[in-house]
PDB file of N, CA and C in Angstrom:
ATOM      1  N   MET A   1       9.611  12.325 -13.198  1.00  0.00           N
ATOM      2  CA  MET A   1       8.840  11.304 -13.869  1.00  0.00           C
ATOM      3  C   MET A   1       7.437  11.267 -13.278  1.00  0.00           C
ATOM      4  N   LYS A   2       6.512  11.702 -14.057  1.00  0.00           N
ATOM      5  CA  LYS A   2       5.118  11.799 -13.608  1.00  0.00           C
ATOM      6  C   LYS A   2       4.523  10.431 -13.263  1.00  0.00           C
ATOM      7  N   ILE A   3       4.973   9.398 -13.950  1.00  0.00           N
ATOM      8  CA  ILE A   3       4.411   8.063 -13.697  1.00  0.00           C
ATOM      9  C   ILE A   3       4.727   7.593 -12.283  1.00  0.00           C
ATOM     10  N   ILE A   4       5.881   7.953 -11.763  1.00  0.00           N
ATOM     11  CA  ILE A   4       6.231   7.569 -10.392  1.00  0.00           C
ATOM     12  C   ILE A   4       5.300   8.265  -9.411  1.00  0.00           C
ATOM     13  N   GLN A   5       5.011   9.538  -9.655  1.00  0.00           N
ATOM     14  CA  GLN A   5       4.074  10.257  -8.795  1.00  0.00           C
ATOM     15  C   GLN A   5       2.689   9.613  -8.854  1.00  0.00           C
ATOM     16  N   TYR A   6       2.255   9.264 -10.061  1.00  0.00           N
ATOM     17  CA  TYR A   6       0.962   8.607 -10.232  1.00  0.00           C
ATOM     18  C   TYR A   6       0.917   7.289  -9.446  1.00  0.00           C
ATOM     19  N   LEU A   7       1.941   6.456  -9.622  1.00  0.00           N
ATOM     20  CA  LEU A   7       1.977   5.166  -8.925  1.00  0.00           C
ATOM     21  C   LEU A   7       2.022   5.361  -7.418  1.00  0.00           C
ATOM     22  N   SER A   8       2.786   6.343  -6.973  1.00  0.00           N
ATOM     23  CA  SER A   8       2.872   6.613  -5.545  1.00  0.00           C
ATOM     24  C   SER A   8       1.522   7.046  -4.979  1.00  0.00           C
ATOM     25  N   ASP A   9       0.831   7.908  -5.712  1.00  0.00           N
ATOM     26  CA  ASP A   9      -0.505   8.336  -5.273  1.00  0.00           C
ATOM     27  C   ASP A   9      -1.462   7.142  -5.191  1.00  0.00           C
ATOM     28  N   LYS A  10      -1.415   6.279  -6.185  1.00  0.00           N
ATOM     29  CA  LYS A  10      -2.283   5.105  -6.201  1.00  0.00           C
ATOM     30  C   LYS A  10      -1.933   4.141  -5.066  1.00  0.00           C
ATOM     31  N   MET A  11      -0.640   3.989  -4.774  1.00  0.00           N
ATOM     32  CA  MET A  11      -0.238   3.134  -3.649  1.00  0.00           C
ATOM     33  C   MET A  11      -0.828   3.668  -2.353  1.00  0.00           C
ATOM     34  N   GLN A  12      -0.769   4.988  -2.185  1.00  0.00           N
ATOM     35  CA  GLN A  12      -1.313   5.592  -0.970  1.00  0.00           C
ATOM     36  C   GLN A  12      -2.818   5.348  -0.866  1.00  0.00           C
ATOM     37  N   GLU A  13      -3.512   5.449  -1.972  1.00  0.00           N
ATOM     38  CA  GLU A  13      -4.956   5.188  -1.978  1.00  0.00           C
ATOM     39  C   GLU A  13      -5.252   3.734  -1.592  1.00  0.00           C
ATOM     40  N   GLU A  14      -4.483   2.811  -2.119  1.00  0.00           N
ATOM     41  CA  GLU A  14      -4.689   1.390  -1.805  1.00  0.00           C
ATOM     42  C   GLU A  14      -4.453   1.134  -0.312  1.00  0.00           C
ATOM     43  N   ILE A  15      -3.402   1.719   0.232  1.00  0.00           N
ATOM     44  CA  ILE A  15      -3.105   1.548   1.657  1.00  0.00           C
ATOM     45  C   ILE A  15      -4.234   2.141   2.500  1.00  0.00           C
ATOM     46  N   HIS A  16      -4.692   3.314   2.118  1.00  0.00           N
ATOM     47  CA  HIS A  16      -5.786   3.970   2.850  1.00  0.00           C
ATOM     48  C   HIS A  16      -7.036   3.084   2.858  1.00  0.00           C
ATOM     49  N   ASP A  17      -7.396   2.574   1.687  1.00  0.00           N
ATOM     50  CA  ASP A  17      -8.580   1.717   1.602  1.00  0.00           C
ATOM     51  C   ASP A  17      -8.399   0.431   2.408  1.00  0.00           C
ATOM     52  N   ALA A  18      -7.204  -0.157   2.336  1.00  0.00           N
ATOM     53  CA  ALA A  18      -6.927  -1.379   3.100  1.00  0.00           C
ATOM     54  C   ALA A  18      -7.085  -1.114   4.598  1.00  0.00           C
ATOM     55  N   HIS A  19      -6.637   0.042   5.043  1.00  0.00           N
ATOM     56  CA  HIS A  19      -6.753   0.416   6.456  1.00  0.00           C
ATOM     57  C   HIS A  19      -8.220   0.529   6.861  1.00  0.00           C
ATOM     58  N   GLU A  20      -9.008   1.208   6.044  1.00  0.00           N
ATOM     59  CA  GLU A  20     -10.433   1.360   6.342  1.00  0.00           C
ATOM     60  C   GLU A  20     -11.143   0.009   6.406  1.00  0.00           C
ATOM     61  N   TYR A  21     -10.868  -0.860   5.445  1.00  0.00           N
ATOM     62  CA  TYR A  21     -11.493  -2.183   5.431  1.00  0.00           C
ATOM     63  C   TYR A  21     -11.089  -2.989   6.668  1.00  0.00           C
ATOM     64  N   ALA A  22      -9.815  -2.935   7.029  1.00  0.00           N
ATOM     65  CA  ALA A  22      -9.344  -3.699   8.191  1.00  0.00           C
ATOM     66  C   ALA A  22      -9.985  -3.190   9.484  1.00  0.00           C
ATOM     67  N   GLU A  23     -10.066  -1.874   9.624  1.00  0.00           N
ATOM     68  CA  GLU A  23     -10.707  -1.312  10.816  1.00  0.00           C
ATOM     69  C   GLU A  23     -12.174  -1.734  10.908  1.00  0.00           C
ATOM     70  N   LYS A  24     -12.877  -1.652   9.795  1.00  0.00           N
ATOM     71  CA  LYS A  24     -14.295  -2.007   9.800  1.00  0.00           C
ATOM     72  C   LYS A  24     -14.474  -3.506  10.032  1.00  0.00           C
ATOM     73  N   ALA A  25     -13.564  -4.322   9.503  1.00  0.00           N
ATOM     74  CA  ALA A  25     -13.630  -5.767   9.749  1.00  0.00           C
ATOM     75  C   ALA A  25     -13.516  -6.056  11.237  1.00  0.00           C
ATOM     76  N   LEU A  26     -12.591  -5.379  11.904  1.00  0.00           N
ATOM     77  CA  LEU A  26     -12.450  -5.571  13.351  1.00  0.00           C
ATOM     78  C   LEU A  26     -13.709  -5.128  14.085  1.00  0.00           C
ATOM     79  N   GLU A  27     -14.268  -4.021  13.648  1.00  0.00           N
ATOM     80  CA  GLU A  27     -15.483  -3.499  14.278  1.00  0.00           C
ATOM     81  C   GLU A  27     -16.668  -4.442  14.102  1.00  0.00           C
ATOM     82  N   MET A  28     -16.775  -5.083  12.950  1.00  0.00           N
ATOM     83  CA  MET A  28     -17.934  -5.904  12.625  1.00  0.00           C
ATOM     84  C   MET A  28     -17.773  -7.377  12.991  1.00  0.00           C
ATOM     85  N   ARG A  29     -16.596  -7.774  13.414  1.00  0.00           N
ATOM     86  CA  ARG A  29     -16.310  -9.187  13.628  1.00  0.00           C
ATOM     87  C   ARG A  29     -17.300  -9.871  14.559  1.00  0.00           C
ATOM     88  N   ASP A  30     -17.676  -9.223  15.635  1.00  0.00           N
ATOM     89  CA  ASP A  30     -18.581  -9.859  16.602  1.00  0.00           C
ATOM     90  C   ASP A  30     -20.051  -9.797  16.187  1.00  0.00           C
ATOM     91  N   SER A  31     -20.414  -8.774  15.428  1.00  0.00           N
ATOM     92  CA  SER A  31     -21.828  -8.627  15.076  1.00  0.00           C
ATOM     93  C   SER A  31     -22.192  -9.254  13.728  1.00  0.00           C
ATOM     94  N   ASP A  32     -21.233  -9.341  12.808  1.00  0.00           N
ATOM     95  CA  ASP A  32     -21.512  -9.930  11.492  1.00  0.00           C
ATOM     96  C   ASP A  32     -20.206 -10.509  10.941  1.00  0.00           C
ATOM     97  N   LYS A  33     -19.917 -11.741  11.327  1.00  0.00           N
ATOM     98  CA  LYS A  33     -18.661 -12.396  10.972  1.00  0.00           C
ATOM     99  C   LYS A  33     -18.488 -12.534   9.464  1.00  0.00           C
ATOM    100  N   THR A  34     -19.549 -12.797   8.748  1.00  0.00           N
ATOM    101  CA  THR A  34     -19.455 -12.951   7.296  1.00  0.00           C
ATOM    102  C   THR A  34     -19.028 -11.628   6.643  1.00  0.00           C
ATOM    103  N   LEU A  35     -19.680 -10.553   7.024  1.00  0.00           N
ATOM    104  CA  LEU A  35     -19.304  -9.238   6.513  1.00  0.00           C
ATOM    105  C   LEU A  35     -17.870  -8.913   6.916  1.00  0.00           C
ATOM    106  N   ALA A  36     -17.531  -9.164   8.159  1.00  0.00           N
ATOM    107  CA  ALA A  36     -16.178  -8.878   8.640  1.00  0.00           C
ATOM    108  C   ALA A  36     -15.134  -9.648   7.847  1.00  0.00           C
ATOM    109  N   ASP A  37     -15.397 -10.916   7.589  1.00  0.00           N
ATOM    110  CA  ASP A  37     -14.451 -11.720   6.801  1.00  0.00           C
ATOM    111  C   ASP A  37     -14.290 -11.157   5.388  1.00  0.00           C
ATOM    112  N   ASN A  38     -15.392 -10.708   4.800  1.00  0.00           N
ATOM    113  CA  ASN A  38     -15.316 -10.116   3.460  1.00  0.00           C
ATOM    114  C   ASN A  38     -14.552  -8.796   3.472  1.00  0.00           C
ATOM    115  N   LEU A  39     -14.761  -7.989   4.486  1.00  0.00           N
ATOM    116  CA  LEU A  39     -14.020  -6.736   4.605  1.00  0.00           C
ATOM    117  C   LEU A  39     -12.529  -7.008   4.805  1.00  0.00           C
ATOM    118  N   PHE A  40     -12.224  -8.021   5.603  1.00  0.00           N
ATOM    119  CA  PHE A  40     -10.825  -8.403   5.794  1.00  0.00           C
ATOM    120  C   PHE A  40     -10.213  -8.839   4.467  1.00  0.00           C
ATOM    121  N   GLU A  41     -10.948  -9.616   3.696  1.00  0.00           N
ATOM    122  CA  GLU A  41     -10.468 -10.066   2.391  1.00  0.00           C
ATOM    123  C   GLU A  41     -10.218  -8.871   1.462  1.00  0.00           C
ATOM    124  N   LEU A  42     -11.115  -7.893   1.486  1.00  0.00           N
ATOM    125  CA  LEU A  42     -10.919  -6.683   0.683  1.00  0.00           C
ATOM    126  C   LEU A  42      -9.667  -5.937   1.131  1.00  0.00           C
ATOM    127  N   SER A  43      -9.441  -5.892   2.432  1.00  0.00           N
ATOM    128  CA  SER A  43      -8.241  -5.237   2.948  1.00  0.00           C
ATOM    129  C   SER A  43      -6.976  -5.905   2.415  1.00  0.00           C
ATOM    130  N   THR A  44      -6.954  -7.219   2.450  1.00  0.00           N
ATOM    131  CA  THR A  44      -5.771  -7.927   1.958  1.00  0.00           C
ATOM    132  C   THR A  44      -5.618  -7.750   0.444  1.00  0.00           C
ATOM    133  N   GLU A  45      -6.731  -7.670  -0.265  1.00  0.00           N
ATOM    134  CA  GLU A  45      -6.668  -7.458  -1.719  1.00  0.00           C
ATOM    135  C   GLU A  45      -6.119  -6.069  -2.041  1.00  0.00           C
ATOM    136  N   GLU A  46      -6.526  -5.071  -1.280  1.00  0.00           N
ATOM    137  CA  GLU A  46      -5.996  -3.716  -1.485  1.00  0.00           C
ATOM    138  C   GLU A  46      -4.482  -3.686  -1.263  1.00  0.00           C
ATOM    139  N   MET A  47      -4.015  -4.418  -0.272  1.00  0.00           N
ATOM    140  CA  MET A  47      -2.570  -4.469  -0.028  1.00  0.00           C
ATOM    141  C   MET A  47      -1.858  -5.189  -1.171  1.00  0.00           C
ATOM    142  N   ARG A  48      -2.509  -6.165  -1.763  1.00  0.00           N
ATOM    143  CA  ARG A  48      -1.929  -6.840  -2.924  1.00  0.00           C
ATOM    144  C   ARG A  48      -1.827  -5.861  -4.092  1.00  0.00           C
ATOM    145  N   HIS A  49      -2.841  -5.039  -4.267  1.00  0.00           N
ATOM    146  CA  HIS A  49      -2.801  -4.016  -5.316  1.00  0.00           C
ATOM    147  C   HIS A  49      -1.635  -3.058  -5.072  1.00  0.00           C
ATOM    148  N   MET A  50      -1.473  -2.664  -3.821  1.00  0.00           N
ATOM    149  CA  MET A  50      -0.377  -1.755  -3.481  1.00  0.00           C
ATOM    150  C   MET A  50       0.964  -2.383  -3.844  1.00  0.00           C
ATOM    151  N   GLN A  51       1.125  -3.666  -3.555  1.00  0.00           N
ATOM    152  CA  GLN A  51       2.381  -4.345  -3.858  1.00  0.00           C
ATOM    153  C   GLN A  51       2.637  -4.407  -5.364  1.00  0.00           C
ATOM    154  N   ILE A  52       1.593  -4.602  -6.149  1.00  0.00           N
ATOM    155  CA  ILE A  52       1.731  -4.608  -7.610  1.00  0.00           C
ATOM    156  C   ILE A  52       2.204  -3.242  -8.093  1.00  0.00           C
ATOM    157  N   LEU A  53       1.572  -2.191  -7.595  1.00  0.00           N
ATOM    158  CA  LEU A  53       1.965  -0.838  -7.983  1.00  0.00           C
ATOM    159  C   LEU A  53       3.399  -0.535  -7.558  1.00  0.00           C
ATOM    160  N   HIS A  54       3.757  -0.958  -6.360  1.00  0.00           N
ATOM    161  CA  HIS A  54       5.114  -0.731  -5.866  1.00  0.00           C
ATOM    162  C   HIS A  54       6.138  -1.433  -6.752  1.00  0.00           C
ATOM    163  N   ALA A  55       5.842  -2.649  -7.133  1.00  0.00           N
ATOM    164  CA  ALA A  55       6.760  -3.394  -8.004  1.00  0.00           C
ATOM    165  C   ALA A  55       6.951  -2.661  -9.331  1.00  0.00           C
ATOM    166  N   GLN A  56       5.884  -2.066  -9.843  1.00  0.00           N
ATOM    167  CA  GLN A  56       5.996  -1.333 -11.100  1.00  0.00           C
ATOM    168  C   GLN A  56       6.831  -0.068 -10.938  1.00  0.00           C
ATOM    169  N   ALA A  57       6.646   0.637  -9.841  1.00  0.00           N
ATOM    170  CA  ALA A  57       7.462   1.834  -9.587  1.00  0.00           C
ATOM    171  C   ALA A  57       8.937   1.459  -9.499  1.00  0.00           C
ATOM    172  N   GLU A  58       9.238   0.400  -8.785  1.00  0.00           N
ATOM    173  CA  GLU A  58      10.622  -0.056  -8.663  1.00  0.00           C
ATOM    174  C   GLU A  58      11.179  -0.477 -10.020  1.00  0.00           C
ATOM    175  N   ARG A  59      10.367  -1.139 -10.822  1.00  0.00           N
ATOM    176  CA  ARG A  59      10.799  -1.568 -12.154  1.00  0.00           C
ATOM    177  C   ARG A  59      11.119  -0.372 -13.037  1.00  0.00           C
ATOM    178  N   ILE A  60      10.262   0.637 -13.001  1.00  0.00           N
ATOM    179  CA  ILE A  60      10.460   1.829 -13.829  1.00  0.00           C
ATOM    180  C   ILE A  60      11.720   2.577 -13.401  1.00  0.00           C
ATOM    181  N   ILE A  61      11.935   2.697 -12.106  1.00  0.00           N
ATOM    182  CA  ILE A  61      13.144   3.363 -11.617  1.00  0.00           C
ATOM    183  C   ILE A  61      14.394   2.580 -12.033  1.00  0.00           C
ATOM    184  N   ALA A  62      14.347   1.266 -11.903  1.00  0.00           N
ATOM    185  CA  ALA A  62      15.492   0.438 -12.304  1.00  0.00           C
ATOM    186  C   ALA A  62      15.750   0.567 -13.801  1.00  0.00           C
ATOM    187  N   GLN A  63      14.694   0.589 -14.587  1.00  0.00           N
ATOM    188  CA  GLN A  63      14.830   0.732 -16.037  1.00  0.00           C
ATOM    189  C   GLN A  63      15.435   2.092 -16.377  1.00  0.00           C
ATOM    190  N   TYR A  64      14.987   3.131 -15.688  1.00  0.00           N
ATOM    191  CA  TYR A  64      15.533   4.474 -15.899  1.00  0.00           C
ATOM    192  C   TYR A  64      17.024   4.474 -15.615  1.00  0.00           C
ATOM    193  N   ARG A  65      17.413   3.868 -14.497  1.00  0.00           N
ATOM    194  CA  ARG A  65      18.832   3.806 -14.135  1.00  0.00           C
ATOM    195  C   ARG A  65      19.652   3.089 -15.217  1.00  0.00           C
ATOM    196  N   LYS A  66      19.104   2.025 -15.723  1.00  0.00           N
ATOM    197  CA  LYS A  66      19.798   1.233 -16.735  1.00  0.00           C
ATOM    198  C   LYS A  66      19.981   2.025 -18.026  1.00  0.00           C
ATOM    199  N   GLU A  67      18.944   2.760 -18.412  1.00  0.00           N
ATOM    200  CA  GLU A  67      18.973   3.460 -19.694  1.00  0.00           C
ATOM    201  C   GLU A  67      19.582   4.860 -19.622  1.00  0.00           C
ATOM    202  N   LYS A  68      19.382   5.554 -18.492  1.00  0.00           N
ATOM    203  CA  LYS A  68      19.762   6.972 -18.440  1.00  0.00           C
ATOM    204  C   LYS A  68      20.651   7.334 -17.255  1.00  0.00           C
ATOM    205  N   GLY A  69      20.937   6.388 -16.403  1.00  0.00           N
ATOM    206  CA  GLY A  69      21.704   6.707 -15.206  1.00  0.00           C
ATOM    207  C   GLY A  69      20.786   7.042 -14.045  1.00  0.00           C
ATOM    208  N   GLU A  70      21.351   7.646 -13.050  1.00  0.00           N
ATOM    209  CA  GLU A  70      20.612   7.952 -11.824  1.00  0.00           C
ATOM    210  C   GLU A  70      19.480   8.941 -12.100  1.00  0.00           C
ATOM    211  N   PRO A  71      18.263   8.656 -11.586  1.00  0.00           N
ATOM    212  CA  PRO A  71      17.151   9.609 -11.743  1.00  0.00           C
ATOM    213  C   PRO A  71      17.482  10.929 -11.038  1.00  0.00           C
ATOM    214  N   PRO A  72      16.776  11.992 -11.396  1.00  0.00           N
ATOM    215  CA  PRO A  72      17.014  13.286 -10.750  1.00  0.00           C
ATOM    216  C   PRO A  72      16.902  13.170  -9.220  1.00  0.00           C
ATOM    217  N   ALA A  73      17.803  13.810  -8.530  1.00  0.00           N
ATOM    218  CA  ALA A  73      17.854  13.734  -7.063  1.00  0.00           C
ATOM    219  C   ALA A  73      16.549  14.192  -6.425  1.00  0.00           C
ATOM    220  N   ALA A  74      15.958  15.235  -6.961  1.00  0.00           N
ATOM    221  CA  ALA A  74      14.704  15.752  -6.387  1.00  0.00           C
ATOM    222  C   ALA A  74      13.592  14.705  -6.492  1.00  0.00           C
ATOM    223  N   MET A  75      13.537  14.014  -7.627  1.00  0.00           N
ATOM    224  CA  MET A  75      12.513  12.991  -7.803  1.00  0.00           C
ATOM    225  C   MET A  75      12.727  11.848  -6.808  1.00  0.00           C
ATOM    226  N   LEU A  76      13.968  11.422  -6.672  1.00  0.00           N
ATOM    227  CA  LEU A  76      14.256  10.335  -5.738  1.00  0.00           C
ATOM    228  C   LEU A  76      13.977  10.739  -4.298  1.00  0.00           C
ATOM    229  N   ALA A  77      14.267  11.984  -3.962  1.00  0.00           N
ATOM    230  CA  ALA A  77      14.013  12.459  -2.601  1.00  0.00           C
ATOM    231  C   ALA A  77      12.520  12.407  -2.277  1.00  0.00           C
ATOM    232  N   VAL A  78      11.702  12.848  -3.209  1.00  0.00           N
ATOM    233  CA  VAL A  78      10.246  12.811  -3.006  1.00  0.00           C
ATOM    234  C   VAL A  78       9.773  11.361  -2.925  1.00  0.00           C
ATOM    235  N   TYR A  79      10.250  10.534  -3.853  1.00  0.00           N
ATOM    236  CA  TYR A  79       9.851   9.124  -3.846  1.00  0.00           C
ATOM    237  C   TYR A  79      10.253   8.449  -2.544  1.00  0.00           C
ATOM    238  N   ASP A  80      11.478   8.682  -2.095  1.00  0.00           N
ATOM    239  CA  ASP A  80      11.947   8.067  -0.849  1.00  0.00           C
ATOM    240  C   ASP A  80      11.120   8.528   0.349  1.00  0.00           C
ATOM    241  N   TYR A  81      10.788   9.809   0.387  1.00  0.00           N
ATOM    242  CA  TYR A  81       9.969  10.345   1.475  1.00  0.00           C
ATOM    243  C   TYR A  81       8.589   9.680   1.484  1.00  0.00           C
ATOM    244  N   LEU A  82       7.943   9.642   0.318  1.00  0.00           N
ATOM    245  CA  LEU A  82       6.614   9.030   0.230  1.00  0.00           C
ATOM    246  C   LEU A  82       6.682   7.532   0.505  1.00  0.00           C
ATOM    247  N   HIS A  83       7.734   6.907   0.031  1.00  0.00           N
ATOM    248  CA  HIS A  83       7.901   5.469   0.243  1.00  0.00           C
ATOM    249  C   HIS A  83       8.008   5.155   1.734  1.00  0.00           C
ATOM    250  N   LYS A  84       8.759   5.964   2.461  1.00  0.00           N
ATOM    251  CA  LYS A  84       8.893   5.764   3.914  1.00  0.00           C
ATOM    252  C   LYS A  84       7.530   5.892   4.596  1.00  0.00           C
ATOM    253  N   LYS A  85       6.763   6.890   4.218  1.00  0.00           N
ATOM    254  CA  LYS A  85       5.431   7.074   4.805  1.00  0.00           C
ATOM    255  C   LYS A  85       4.518   5.895   4.451  1.00  0.00           C
ATOM    256  N   GLN A  86       4.639   5.394   3.237  1.00  0.00           N
ATOM    257  CA  GLN A  86       3.816   4.262   2.811  1.00  0.00           C
ATOM    258  C   GLN A  86       4.190   3.000   3.573  1.00  0.00           C
ATOM    259  N   ILE A  87       5.469   2.815   3.841  1.00  0.00           N
ATOM    260  CA  ILE A  87       5.906   1.654   4.620  1.00  0.00           C
ATOM    261  C   ILE A  87       5.307   1.719   6.022  1.00  0.00           C
ATOM    262  N   GLU A  88       5.324   2.894   6.618  1.00  0.00           N
ATOM    263  CA  GLU A  88       4.739   3.069   7.955  1.00  0.00           C
ATOM    264  C   GLU A  88       3.238   2.784   7.931  1.00  0.00           C
ATOM    265  N   ALA A  89       2.540   3.339   6.950  1.00  0.00           N
ATOM    266  CA  ALA A  89       1.086   3.137   6.854  1.00  0.00           C
ATOM    267  C   ALA A  89       0.758   1.672   6.568  1.00  0.00           C
ATOM    268  N   ALA A  90       1.550   1.040   5.717  1.00  0.00           N
ATOM    269  CA  ALA A  90       1.327  -0.378   5.414  1.00  0.00           C
ATOM    270  C   ALA A  90       1.557  -1.222   6.662  1.00  0.00           C
ATOM    271  N   GLY A  91       2.507  -0.825   7.481  1.00  0.00           N
ATOM    272  CA  GLY A  91       2.743  -1.537   8.738  1.00  0.00           C
ATOM    273  C   GLY A  91       1.539  -1.471   9.661  1.00  0.00           C
ATOM    274  N   GLU A  92       0.886  -0.325   9.686  1.00  0.00           N
ATOM    275  CA  GLU A  92      -0.325  -0.180  10.499  1.00  0.00           C
ATOM    276  C   GLU A  92      -1.427  -1.108   9.990  1.00  0.00           C
ATOM    277  N   VAL A  93      -1.562  -1.189   8.683  1.00  0.00           N
ATOM    278  CA  VAL A  93      -2.575  -2.082   8.089  1.00  0.00           C
ATOM    279  C   VAL A  93      -2.258  -3.523   8.443  1.00  0.00           C
ATOM    280  N   LYS A  94      -1.001  -3.915   8.301  1.00  0.00           N
ATOM    281  CA  LYS A  94      -0.596  -5.292   8.612  1.00  0.00           C
ATOM    282  C   LYS A  94      -0.883  -5.612  10.077  1.00  0.00           C
ATOM    283  N   ALA A  95      -0.685  -4.640  10.960  1.00  0.00           N
ATOM    284  CA  ALA A  95      -0.976  -4.850  12.382  1.00  0.00           C
ATOM    285  C   ALA A  95      -2.467  -5.072  12.599  1.00  0.00           C
ATOM    286  N   LEU A  96      -3.301  -4.285  11.935  1.00  0.00           N
ATOM    287  CA  LEU A  96      -4.748  -4.471  12.042  1.00  0.00           C
ATOM    288  C   LEU A  96      -5.165  -5.833  11.486  1.00  0.00           C
ATOM    289  N   GLN A  97      -4.580  -6.215  10.358  1.00  0.00           N
ATOM    290  CA  GLN A  97      -4.900  -7.508   9.765  1.00  0.00           C
ATOM    291  C   GLN A  97      -4.466  -8.660  10.683  1.00  0.00           C
ATOM    292  N   ALA A  98      -3.312  -8.523  11.292  1.00  0.00           N
ATOM    293  CA  ALA A  98      -2.841  -9.552  12.217  1.00  0.00           C
ATOM    294  C   ALA A  98      -3.764  -9.649  13.428  1.00  0.00           C
ATOM    295  N   LEU A  99      -4.219  -8.519  13.915  1.00  0.00           N
ATOM    296  CA  LEU A  99      -5.146  -8.501  15.044  1.00  0.00           C
ATOM    297  C   LEU A  99      -6.443  -9.204  14.668  1.00  0.00           C
ATOM    298  N   TYR A 100      -6.914  -8.988  13.475  1.00  0.00           N
ATOM    299  CA  TYR A 100      -8.153  -9.635  13.022  1.00  0.00           C
ATOM    300  C   TYR A 100      -7.970 -11.158  13.011  1.00  0.00           C
ATOM    301  N   LYS A 101      -6.841 -11.620  12.544  1.00  0.00           N
ATOM    302  CA  LYS A 101      -6.571 -13.046  12.465  1.00  0.00           C
ATOM    303  C   LYS A 101      -6.420 -13.685  13.842  1.00  0.00           C
ATOM    304  N   GLU A 102      -5.862 -12.934  14.792  1.00  0.00           N
ATOM    305  CA  GLU A 102      -5.595 -13.459  16.139  1.00  0.00           C
ATOM    306  C   GLU A 102      -6.860 -13.798  16.906  1.00  0.00           C
ATOM    307  N   ILE A 103      -7.772 -12.903  16.870  1.00  0.00           N
ATOM    308  CA  ILE A 103      -8.916 -13.013  17.773  1.00  0.00           C
ATOM    309  C   ILE A 103     -10.032 -13.817  17.149  1.00  0.00           C
TER     310      ILE A 103
END
């Protein structure tokens, strides 16, 4: 299912952007708090986008299961692999965001 690959790619892009924004927010916090706060807000918005995309991927997979049975094993294996990597990357972003809030 090409749409799952598309959604997965977009989720990865959102996580990547959220990570960059969070890192830059931490870097700028002491020199330009207003900019840092805006970058932090962008980071959280990117993670919200990722969650929307993830919900759609899960919905499509569930719909496929309902209508056609289990998706092809190869597709699920790739999705599960990418999903695990995305969970790890999202965890890193959440850690950066938490650090920004703490200090």
